[in-house]
Amino acid sequence: MSAPPRVCVIGAGSSGIATAKVLLERGIPFDCFELSDRIGGNWVWGNRNGVSAAYRSLHINTSRERMAFSDFPMPAELPDFPRHDQVAAYFDAYADHFGLRDRITFRTGVQHVAPRPGGFDVTLSTGETRGYEAVCVANGHHWDPRWPEPAFPGADSTAIEQIHSHSYTEEAQLAGKRVVVVGMGNSAVDIAVDASYHGAATYLSARRGAHVIPKYVFGRPYDQIAGSERIPGWIRWPLARLLLKSTTGRMTRYGLPAPDHKFAQAHPTMSSRVLDRLAHGAITPKPNISRLDRSSVVFTDGSRVEADLVVYCTGYRISFPFFDAGFLDPGEDNEVRLYQRVFHPRVPGLYFIGLVQPLGAIMPIAERQSELVADHLQGRYALPDRLGMLAEIAKHRQAVAKRYVASKRHTIQVDFDDYMRELRRERIRGAQRSAPAARTSRRVAGRAYA
């Protein structure tokens, strides 16, 4: 019997520890490398890795029951929507419970991954190069800031301070300032709410409208109503649209632009606070920026406000600095084409965990993806041929283009429940594909020893 392949796991955030836990359970040898001095990734406020994006007021937008790993519930005494430090403590407890901490090499980054016949050469920040048969990329995709493209006229000459939301860490950065927040995603509305309490004036500039979802509906977390793999999206989302309409009404009532899409055709914005602050005049909605003058921001409707700070909440690039340029560069379309969002169709042994933007939590998805990868490493799951993988990738891209608003943030978008169901079914299909090969292998082995 051949030895199991040795695996390199890049990152010890929520996706990396899910991978490490499954590999450890299965007896698959691995090394996990983490740039920081602790686990948790983006949920560690003040993370020493220098790339995480947590801010002091950050809370999760998925309820704790829906974000927890399947075999390690979040403590019942936590609030429905835990704060960043509570989420990070949960990941610490998960790592300790399953004995992962001693299997992670901290303060060590992966600088280069070079595919070679039969595996990979992985060069670490220590200068050491190690060989592996497989690599699991689990380093996240919220670390390489995407700035407005092209930059607004006047951005290079204005005296107004400009930062990306990635650099926002605490309310002291907003105190006493006239703040313009650009964007309508989750970070944008969180920062606008913070600015409305700590700044001198707050403006929320939106290029396009968005549906804002309250965290509670009828006294329950919104994602616990009809959230189930057993309910397909074509049933779930029309019902959710009716529910949203009855609870929040039209976005134009709050001064926001009308969305040019239906709810669930773009990544949702979750906030129970921003609509309240808009309704009370603490946040002033504005259209897109036209230009930046020396001390003022001019908007596309011709209005102008004096400003001290502009915060760009314009998302992130998908990038992998440890691969050679051109090997897996998402480029301008910000897209990585993977079979079932996990498997590289041309590089055996290269897996991606958590490289999705779900309408829901990433943690259960990372866990299920890791189970699929472990099955493949152990020969329990077989991939289709290359043409089959490319056909599935093309079909998925067409479905994304048909459903979601055209945007670089939607290239890795998935619906949580639909994707979880698809991963479960794919695991069964892959096991069935592997069965004929396993039977053939046993017949060949039998003849060899006859």
Protein backbone atom coordinates (compact mmCIF):
# COMPACT_ATOMS: atom_id res chain seq x y z
CA MET A 1 0.00 0.00 0.00
CA SER A 2 1.44 3.40 -1.04
CA ALA A 3 2.09 6.08 1.54
CA PRO A 4 -0.50 8.88 1.69
CA PRO A 5 0.50 12.11 -0.08
CA ARG A 6 2.02 14.84 2.02
CA VAL A 7 0.09 18.11 1.93
CA CYS A 8 1.00 21.76 2.40
CA VAL A 9 -1.82 23.90 3.83
CA ILE A 10 -1.38 27.64 3.28
CA GLY A 11 -3.04 29.71 6.00
CA ALA A 12 -4.61 29.04 9.40
CA GLY A 13 -7.71 31.17 9.15
CA SER A 14 -11.17 29.62 9.23
CA SER A 15 -10.61 27.71 5.99
CA GLY A 16 -7.09 26.55 6.84
CA ILE A 17 -8.03 25.10 10.23
CA ALA A 18 -11.01 23.32 8.67
CA THR A 19 -8.63 21.70 6.19
CA ALA A 20 -6.09 20.83 8.88
CA LYS A 21 -8.75 19.23 11.05
CA VAL A 22 -10.05 16.99 8.26
CA LEU A 23 -6.53 15.95 7.17
CA LEU A 24 -5.58 15.14 10.77
CA GLU A 25 -8.74 13.06 11.22
CA ARG A 26 -7.98 11.09 8.06
CA GLY A 27 -4.35 10.43 8.94
CA ILE A 28 -3.09 12.40 5.95
CA PRO A 29 0.30 13.99 6.73
CA PHE A 30 0.43 17.76 6.33
CA ASP A 31 2.20 20.96 7.29
CA CYS A 32 0.18 24.13 7.86
CA PHE A 33 1.95 27.49 7.58
CA GLU A 34 0.55 30.71 9.02
CA LEU A 35 2.12 34.14 8.53
CA SER A 36 0.71 35.42 11.83
CA ASP A 37 1.48 34.37 15.40
CA ARG A 38 -2.04 33.00 15.87
CA ILE A 39 -4.95 31.51 13.99
CA GLY A 40 -8.09 33.32 12.90
CA GLY A 41 -7.09 35.34 9.84
CA ASN A 42 -9.49 38.21 9.16
CA TRP A 43 -11.23 37.73 12.49
CA VAL A 44 -8.17 38.75 14.49
CA TRP A 45 -8.32 42.48 15.16
CA GLY A 46 -4.80 43.87 15.06
CA ASN A 47 -3.47 40.70 13.45
CA ARG A 48 0.32 40.78 13.23
CA ASN A 49 0.29 39.28 9.74
CA GLY A 50 -0.30 42.76 8.34
CA VAL A 51 -2.91 41.60 5.80
CA SER A 52 -6.06 40.96 7.83
CA ALA A 53 -8.87 43.49 7.66
CA ALA A 54 -10.76 43.37 10.98
CA TYR A 55 -11.95 46.57 12.61
CA ARG A 56 -12.93 47.16 16.23
CA SER A 57 -16.71 47.23 15.61
CA LEU A 58 -16.75 44.18 13.32
CA HIS A 59 -19.50 41.61 13.91
CA ILE A 60 -20.28 38.60 11.77
CA ASN A 61 -23.22 38.92 9.39
CA THR A 62 -24.20 35.26 9.57
CA SER A 63 -25.86 33.94 12.71
CA ARG A 64 -23.73 31.73 14.93
CA GLU A 65 -25.91 28.66 14.31
CA ARG A 66 -25.38 28.93 10.57
CA MET A 67 -21.66 29.72 10.67
CA ALA A 68 -20.50 27.01 13.07
CA PHE A 69 -18.57 23.92 12.01
CA SER A 70 -20.75 20.81 11.89
CA ASP A 71 -19.08 19.03 14.81
CA PHE A 72 -18.23 22.00 17.02
CA PRO A 73 -21.18 24.28 17.83
CA MET A 74 -20.59 27.86 18.88
CA PRO A 75 -21.32 28.45 22.58
CA ALA A 76 -25.02 29.08 23.19
CA GLU A 77 -24.25 32.03 25.47
CA LEU A 78 -22.80 34.02 22.56
CA PRO A 79 -25.03 36.57 20.84
CA ASP A 80 -26.72 35.59 17.59
CA PHE A 81 -24.20 37.73 15.67
CA PRO A 82 -20.87 37.50 17.54
CA ARG A 83 -18.17 40.17 17.62
CA HIS A 84 -14.79 39.60 15.97
CA ASP A 85 -13.01 38.62 19.19
CA GLN A 86 -15.75 36.11 20.02
CA VAL A 87 -15.41 34.56 16.57
CA ALA A 88 -11.62 34.43 16.93
CA ALA A 89 -11.97 32.78 20.36
CA TYR A 90 -14.26 30.17 18.78
CA PHE A 91 -11.57 29.35 16.21
CA ASP A 92 -8.99 29.08 19.00
CA ALA A 93 -11.25 26.67 20.89
CA TYR A 94 -11.81 24.64 17.70
CA ALA A 95 -8.07 24.33 17.12
CA ASP A 96 -7.42 23.28 20.72
CA HIS A 97 -10.33 20.81 20.81
CA PHE A 98 -9.08 18.96 17.75
CA GLY A 99 -5.38 19.23 18.55
CA LEU A 100 -4.44 21.44 15.63
CA ARG A 101 -2.27 24.08 17.25
CA ASP A 102 0.88 21.95 17.39
CA ARG A 103 0.44 21.11 13.72
CA ILE A 104 0.63 24.76 12.61
CA THR A 105 3.92 26.55 11.97
CA PHE A 106 3.34 30.17 12.98
CA ARG A 107 5.21 33.29 11.85
CA THR A 108 6.05 31.48 8.64
CA GLY A 109 4.69 32.48 5.25
CA VAL A 110 4.70 30.66 1.94
CA GLN A 111 6.71 32.70 -0.55
CA HIS A 112 6.65 30.47 -3.62
CA VAL A 113 4.82 27.39 -4.87
CA ALA A 114 6.30 25.74 -7.95
CA PRO A 115 4.46 22.80 -9.57
CA ARG A 116 6.69 19.94 -10.70
CA PRO A 117 6.01 16.41 -11.94
CA GLY A 118 4.36 14.55 -9.09
CA GLY A 119 4.04 17.48 -6.72
CA PHE A 120 5.21 20.93 -5.68
CA ASP A 121 8.26 22.69 -4.33
CA VAL A 122 7.18 25.09 -1.58
CA THR A 123 9.57 27.84 -0.49
CA LEU A 124 8.95 29.35 2.94
CA SER A 125 9.71 32.79 4.35
CA THR A 126 12.54 31.13 6.28
CA GLY A 127 14.26 30.38 2.97
CA GLU A 128 13.67 26.62 3.28
CA THR A 129 12.16 24.70 0.35
CA ARG A 130 10.09 21.57 0.99
CA GLY A 131 8.52 19.07 -1.36
CA TYR A 132 4.83 18.11 -1.24
CA GLU A 133 2.52 15.97 -3.31
CA ALA A 134 -0.42 18.34 -2.77
CA VAL A 135 -1.09 21.97 -1.82
CA CYS A 136 -4.27 23.36 -0.24
CA VAL A 137 -4.53 27.12 -0.75
CA ALA A 138 -6.56 28.53 2.17
CA ASN A 139 -5.12 32.03 2.61
CA GLY A 140 -8.35 33.94 1.93
CA HIS A 141 -9.23 36.62 -0.60
CA HIS A 142 -9.85 39.73 1.51
CA TRP A 143 -6.32 41.05 1.78
CA ASP A 144 -5.31 42.70 -1.55
CA PRO A 145 -7.26 45.99 -1.70
CA ARG A 146 -8.92 47.01 -4.95
CA TRP A 147 -9.00 50.79 -5.36
CA PRO A 148 -11.40 52.64 -7.69
CA GLU A 149 -10.57 51.90 -11.31
CA PRO A 150 -9.89 54.36 -12.79
CA ALA A 151 -9.12 56.69 -9.91
CA PHE A 152 -11.49 59.62 -9.49
CA PRO A 153 -10.29 62.86 -11.09
CA GLY A 154 -8.37 64.89 -8.57
CA ALA A 155 -7.52 61.90 -6.37
CA ASP A 156 -3.79 62.46 -6.86
CA SER A 157 -3.87 66.17 -6.04
CA THR A 158 -6.50 66.60 -3.31
CA ALA A 159 -5.55 67.41 0.28
CA ILE A 160 -8.28 65.06 1.53
CA GLU A 161 -6.99 61.93 3.24
CA GLN A 162 -7.88 58.75 1.30
CA ILE A 163 -7.76 55.20 2.65
CA HIS A 164 -9.09 51.81 1.63
CA SER A 165 -11.40 50.06 4.07
CA HIS A 166 -8.64 47.48 4.52
CA SER A 167 -6.74 50.13 6.48
CA TYR A 168 -9.68 50.96 8.74
CA THR A 169 -9.19 49.48 12.21
CA GLU A 170 -10.96 51.67 14.78
CA GLU A 171 -13.26 54.63 15.28
CA ALA A 172 -10.42 56.97 16.32
CA GLN A 173 -9.56 57.26 12.61
CA LEU A 174 -12.97 58.91 12.08
CA ALA A 175 -13.23 61.08 15.19
CA GLY A 176 -14.19 64.66 14.45
CA LYS A 177 -13.76 64.25 10.68
CA ARG A 178 -16.08 64.88 7.77
CA VAL A 179 -16.14 61.42 6.22
CA VAL A 180 -17.21 60.24 2.77
CA VAL A 181 -17.63 56.46 2.58
CA VAL A 182 -17.63 55.01 -0.94
CA GLY A 183 -19.56 51.78 -1.52
CA MET A 184 -22.69 49.94 -0.45
CA GLY A 185 -21.26 46.63 0.77
CA ASN A 186 -21.04 45.36 4.33
CA SER A 187 -17.81 47.17 5.18
CA ALA A 188 -19.13 50.43 3.73
CA VAL A 189 -22.29 50.49 5.83
CA ASP A 190 -20.42 49.40 8.97
CA ILE A 191 -17.87 52.18 8.59
CA ALA A 192 -20.56 54.73 7.74
CA VAL A 193 -22.42 53.81 10.93
CA ASP A 194 -19.20 54.16 12.95
CA ALA A 195 -18.54 57.55 11.33
CA SER A 196 -22.08 58.69 12.12
CA TYR A 197 -21.31 58.32 15.84
CA HIS A 198 -17.72 59.55 15.88
CA GLY A 199 -17.26 61.85 12.90
CA ALA A 200 -18.36 65.44 12.37
CA ALA A 201 -20.41 64.52 9.28
CA THR A 202 -20.96 61.31 7.33
CA TYR A 203 -21.80 60.81 3.66
CA LEU A 204 -22.45 57.44 2.02
CA SER A 205 -21.63 57.53 -1.69
CA ALA A 206 -23.12 54.76 -3.83
CA ARG A 207 -22.49 54.08 -7.52
CA ARG A 208 -25.44 51.69 -7.63
CA GLY A 209 -28.22 50.70 -5.31
CA ALA A 210 -28.22 47.68 -3.01
CA HIS A 211 -30.78 45.76 -0.98
CA VAL A 212 -30.06 46.21 2.72
CA ILE A 213 -31.14 43.24 4.83
CA PRO A 214 -31.89 43.59 8.54
CA LYS A 215 -30.21 41.01 10.75
CA TYR A 216 -33.50 40.15 12.45
CA VAL A 217 -36.83 39.40 10.80
CA PHE A 218 -39.86 38.63 12.99
CA GLY A 219 -37.56 38.41 16.01
CA ARG A 220 -35.28 35.78 14.49
CA PRO A 221 -31.93 35.96 12.67
CA TYR A 222 -32.79 36.48 9.01
CA ASP A 223 -30.71 33.51 7.79
CA GLN A 224 -32.55 31.03 10.01
CA ILE A 225 -35.79 31.60 8.14
CA ALA A 226 -36.05 29.07 5.28
CA GLY A 227 -32.30 28.52 5.35
CA SER A 228 -31.82 24.87 4.40
CA GLU A 229 -30.12 22.72 1.78
CA ARG A 230 -33.46 21.03 1.25
CA ILE A 231 -35.06 24.24 -0.03
CA PRO A 232 -33.76 25.13 -3.51
CA GLY A 233 -32.98 28.71 -4.37
CA TRP A 234 -35.80 29.01 -6.89
CA ILE A 235 -38.21 28.59 -3.95
CA ARG A 236 -36.20 30.35 -1.25
CA TRP A 237 -35.37 33.66 -2.94
CA PRO A 238 -38.82 34.70 -4.24
CA LEU A 239 -40.13 34.18 -0.70
CA ALA A 240 -37.20 36.12 0.73
CA ARG A 241 -37.91 39.02 -1.62
CA LEU A 242 -41.48 39.27 -0.37
CA LEU A 243 -40.24 39.13 3.22
CA LEU A 244 -37.63 41.83 2.61
CA LYS A 245 -40.15 44.10 0.91
CA SER A 246 -42.52 43.81 3.87
CA THR A 247 -39.85 44.55 6.49
CA THR A 248 -37.68 47.31 4.98
CA GLY A 249 -39.72 48.70 2.11
CA ARG A 250 -38.08 50.47 -0.80
CA MET A 251 -34.49 51.64 -0.44
CA THR A 252 -35.47 54.99 -1.94
CA ARG A 253 -37.42 55.74 1.24
CA TYR A 254 -34.04 56.08 2.99
CA GLY A 255 -32.59 58.29 0.26
CA LEU A 256 -30.61 55.45 -1.28
CA PRO A 257 -30.66 54.74 -5.03
CA ALA A 258 -33.10 52.08 -6.20
CA PRO A 259 -31.29 48.76 -6.81
CA ASP A 260 -31.10 47.82 -10.50
CA HIS A 261 -31.43 44.14 -9.62
CA LYS A 262 -33.57 41.79 -7.57
CA PHE A 263 -32.58 40.77 -4.06
CA ALA A 264 -30.05 37.87 -4.19
CA GLN A 265 -28.76 38.91 -7.63
CA ALA A 266 -25.87 40.67 -5.91
CA HIS A 267 -23.93 40.01 -2.73
CA PRO A 268 -26.25 41.17 0.07
CA THR A 269 -25.62 44.07 2.43
CA MET A 270 -26.57 43.14 5.99
CA SER A 271 -27.20 45.86 8.53
CA SER A 272 -29.93 46.71 10.98
CA ARG A 273 -28.17 49.95 11.92
CA VAL A 274 -27.51 51.81 8.68
CA LEU A 275 -31.18 52.28 7.79
CA ASP A 276 -31.81 53.69 11.27
CA ARG A 277 -28.91 56.14 10.94
CA LEU A 278 -30.09 57.18 7.46
CA ALA A 279 -33.65 57.66 8.75
CA HIS A 280 -32.36 59.90 11.55
CA GLY A 281 -30.20 61.99 9.23
CA ALA A 282 -26.97 60.88 10.86
CA ILE A 283 -25.78 59.58 7.48
CA THR A 284 -26.42 61.56 4.29
CA PRO A 285 -26.75 59.43 1.13
CA LYS A 286 -24.94 60.67 -1.97
CA PRO A 287 -24.50 59.41 -5.55
CA ASN A 288 -21.15 58.40 -7.01
CA ILE A 289 -18.14 60.72 -6.80
CA SER A 290 -17.49 62.89 -9.85
CA ARG A 291 -14.17 64.38 -8.71
CA LEU A 292 -12.11 65.40 -5.71
CA ASP A 293 -11.14 69.05 -5.34
CA ARG A 294 -8.53 70.24 -2.87
CA SER A 295 -10.78 70.10 0.20
CA SER A 296 -14.16 68.97 -1.14
CA VAL A 297 -15.83 66.05 -2.86
CA VAL A 298 -18.06 66.69 -5.87
CA PHE A 299 -20.75 64.12 -6.72
CA THR A 300 -22.35 63.21 -10.02
CA ASP A 301 -25.50 65.20 -9.18
CA GLY A 302 -23.38 68.35 -8.91
CA SER A 303 -23.55 68.58 -5.11
CA ARG A 304 -20.39 69.24 -3.13
CA VAL A 305 -19.34 68.59 0.48
CA GLU A 306 -16.28 69.55 2.45
CA ALA A 307 -14.42 66.44 3.54
CA ASP A 308 -11.43 65.40 5.62
CA LEU A 309 -11.43 61.68 4.80
CA VAL A 310 -12.60 59.42 1.98
CA VAL A 311 -12.86 55.70 2.76
CA TYR A 312 -12.96 53.48 -0.33
CA CYS A 313 -14.92 50.29 0.34
CA THR A 314 -14.29 48.99 -3.15
CA GLY A 315 -13.46 45.37 -2.52
CA TYR A 316 -10.43 43.19 -3.08
CA ARG A 317 -8.42 41.63 -5.86
CA ILE A 318 -8.04 37.87 -5.96
CA SER A 319 -4.31 37.30 -6.07
CA PHE A 320 -1.76 34.63 -5.21
CA PRO A 321 1.70 36.14 -4.77
CA PHE A 322 3.29 32.74 -4.15
CA PHE A 323 2.57 31.54 -7.71
CA ASP A 324 4.59 32.63 -10.72
CA ALA A 325 3.04 35.46 -12.71
CA GLY A 326 0.70 34.05 -15.33
CA PHE A 327 0.33 30.66 -13.67
CA LEU A 328 -2.94 31.41 -11.92
CA ASP A 329 -3.38 35.14 -12.36
CA PRO A 330 -7.07 36.10 -12.15
CA GLY A 331 -6.19 39.26 -14.07
CA GLU A 332 -8.70 42.00 -14.71
CA ASP A 333 -11.74 39.70 -14.58
CA ASN A 334 -10.86 38.74 -10.96
CA GLU A 335 -11.78 35.14 -11.71
CA VAL A 336 -10.20 31.77 -10.94
CA ARG A 337 -11.67 28.88 -12.92
CA LEU A 338 -11.87 25.79 -10.75
CA TYR A 339 -13.89 22.60 -10.92
CA GLN A 340 -16.55 22.79 -8.21
CA ARG A 341 -14.68 25.93 -7.01
CA VAL A 342 -12.01 23.63 -5.50
CA PHE A 343 -9.96 21.67 -8.07
CA HIS A 344 -7.52 23.10 -10.60
CA PRO A 345 -8.42 21.41 -13.90
CA ARG A 346 -4.84 21.24 -15.20
CA VAL A 347 -2.65 20.93 -12.10
CA PRO A 348 -3.21 17.69 -10.15
CA GLY A 349 -2.91 18.05 -6.39
CA LEU A 350 -3.68 21.77 -6.28
CA TYR A 351 -6.78 22.56 -4.21
CA PHE A 352 -8.46 25.79 -3.10
CA ILE A 353 -10.40 25.97 0.16
CA GLY A 354 -12.72 28.90 0.87
CA LEU A 355 -12.14 30.70 -2.43
CA VAL A 356 -15.82 31.59 -2.71
CA GLN A 357 -18.00 34.55 -1.76
CA PRO A 358 -21.09 32.91 -0.30
CA LEU A 359 -24.55 34.22 0.41
CA GLY A 360 -23.90 32.86 3.90
CA ALA A 361 -20.93 31.72 6.00
CA ILE A 362 -17.65 30.36 4.68
CA MET A 363 -16.87 27.98 7.58
CA PRO A 364 -19.26 25.08 6.82
CA ILE A 365 -18.37 25.41 3.13
CA ALA A 366 -14.64 25.14 3.87
CA GLU A 367 -15.32 22.09 6.01
CA ARG A 368 -17.27 20.33 3.24
CA GLN A 369 -14.70 21.29 0.60
CA SER A 370 -11.99 19.82 2.83
CA GLU A 371 -13.88 16.53 3.09
CA LEU A 372 -14.01 16.38 -0.69
CA VAL A 373 -10.27 17.05 -0.97
CA ALA A 374 -9.46 14.40 1.64
CA ASP A 375 -11.61 11.88 -0.25
CA HIS A 376 -9.64 12.68 -3.41
CA LEU A 377 -6.28 12.33 -1.67
CA GLN A 378 -7.34 8.93 -0.31
CA GLY A 379 -8.71 7.66 -3.61
CA ARG A 380 -12.33 7.63 -2.44
CA TYR A 381 -13.32 10.36 -4.86
CA ALA A 382 -12.44 10.62 -8.56
CA LEU A 383 -12.61 13.72 -10.71
CA PRO A 384 -14.19 13.62 -14.16
CA ASP A 385 -11.84 13.93 -17.13
CA ARG A 386 -10.47 17.33 -18.07
CA LEU A 387 -13.20 18.02 -20.62
CA GLY A 388 -15.81 17.21 -18.00
CA MET A 389 -14.21 19.60 -15.54
CA LEU A 390 -13.97 22.39 -18.09
CA ALA A 391 -17.62 21.86 -19.05
CA GLU A 392 -18.71 22.20 -15.41
CA ILE A 393 -16.63 25.36 -15.02
CA ALA A 394 -18.20 26.89 -18.14
CA LYS A 395 -21.70 25.96 -16.97
CA HIS A 396 -21.06 27.56 -13.58
CA ARG A 397 -19.74 30.75 -15.17
CA GLN A 398 -22.83 30.99 -17.34
CA ALA A 399 -25.08 30.52 -14.29
CA VAL A 400 -23.23 33.24 -12.37
CA ALA A 401 -23.45 35.63 -15.32
CA LYS A 402 -27.16 34.94 -15.68
CA ARG A 403 -28.01 35.37 -11.99
CA TYR A 404 -25.73 38.06 -10.59
CA VAL A 405 -25.05 41.67 -11.45
CA ALA A 406 -21.92 41.95 -13.60
CA SER A 407 -19.23 42.83 -11.08
CA LYS A 408 -15.72 41.70 -10.17
CA ARG A 409 -16.99 40.85 -6.68
CA HIS A 410 -19.38 38.22 -8.09
CA THR A 411 -16.87 36.08 -9.99
CA ILE A 412 -16.58 33.71 -7.01
CA GLN A 413 -20.13 34.12 -5.75
CA VAL A 414 -22.10 31.08 -4.56
CA ASP A 415 -25.41 30.56 -2.81
CA PHE A 416 -24.64 28.92 0.55
CA ASP A 417 -27.40 26.32 0.67
CA ASP A 418 -27.35 25.49 -3.04
CA TYR A 419 -23.56 25.10 -3.03
CA MET A 420 -23.55 23.00 0.14
CA ARG A 421 -26.08 20.69 -1.50
CA GLU A 422 -23.99 20.53 -4.67
CA LEU A 423 -20.84 19.62 -2.71
CA ARG A 424 -22.73 16.82 -0.95
CA ARG A 425 -23.99 15.46 -4.26
CA GLU A 426 -20.60 15.85 -5.93
CA ARG A 427 -19.01 13.79 -3.18
CA ILE A 428 -21.43 10.95 -4.02
CA ARG A 429 -20.80 11.31 -7.78
CA GLY A 430 -17.04 11.29 -7.23
CA ALA A 431 -17.27 8.15 -5.09
CA GLN A 432 -19.23 6.46 -7.87
CA ARG A 433 -16.64 7.54 -10.43
CA SER A 434 -13.86 6.11 -8.27
CA ALA A 435 -15.57 2.72 -7.82
CA PRO A 436 -14.78 1.29 -11.31
CA ALA A 437 -11.14 2.36 -10.98
CA ALA A 438 -10.93 0.76 -7.53
CA ARG A 439 -12.42 -2.51 -8.83
CA THR A 440 -9.98 -2.51 -11.77
CA SER A 441 -7.08 -1.90 -9.39
CA ARG A 442 -8.16 -4.80 -7.21
CA ARG A 443 -8.48 -7.12 -10.23
CA VAL A 444 -5.02 -6.14 -11.47
CA ALA A 445 -3.55 -6.66 -8.00
CA GLY A 446 -5.25 -10.07 -7.76
CA ARG A 447 -3.78 -11.23 -11.05
CA ALA A 448 -0.35 -9.94 -9.98
CA TYR A 449 -0.38 -12.10 -6.84
CA ALA A 450 -2.10 -15.14 -8.37
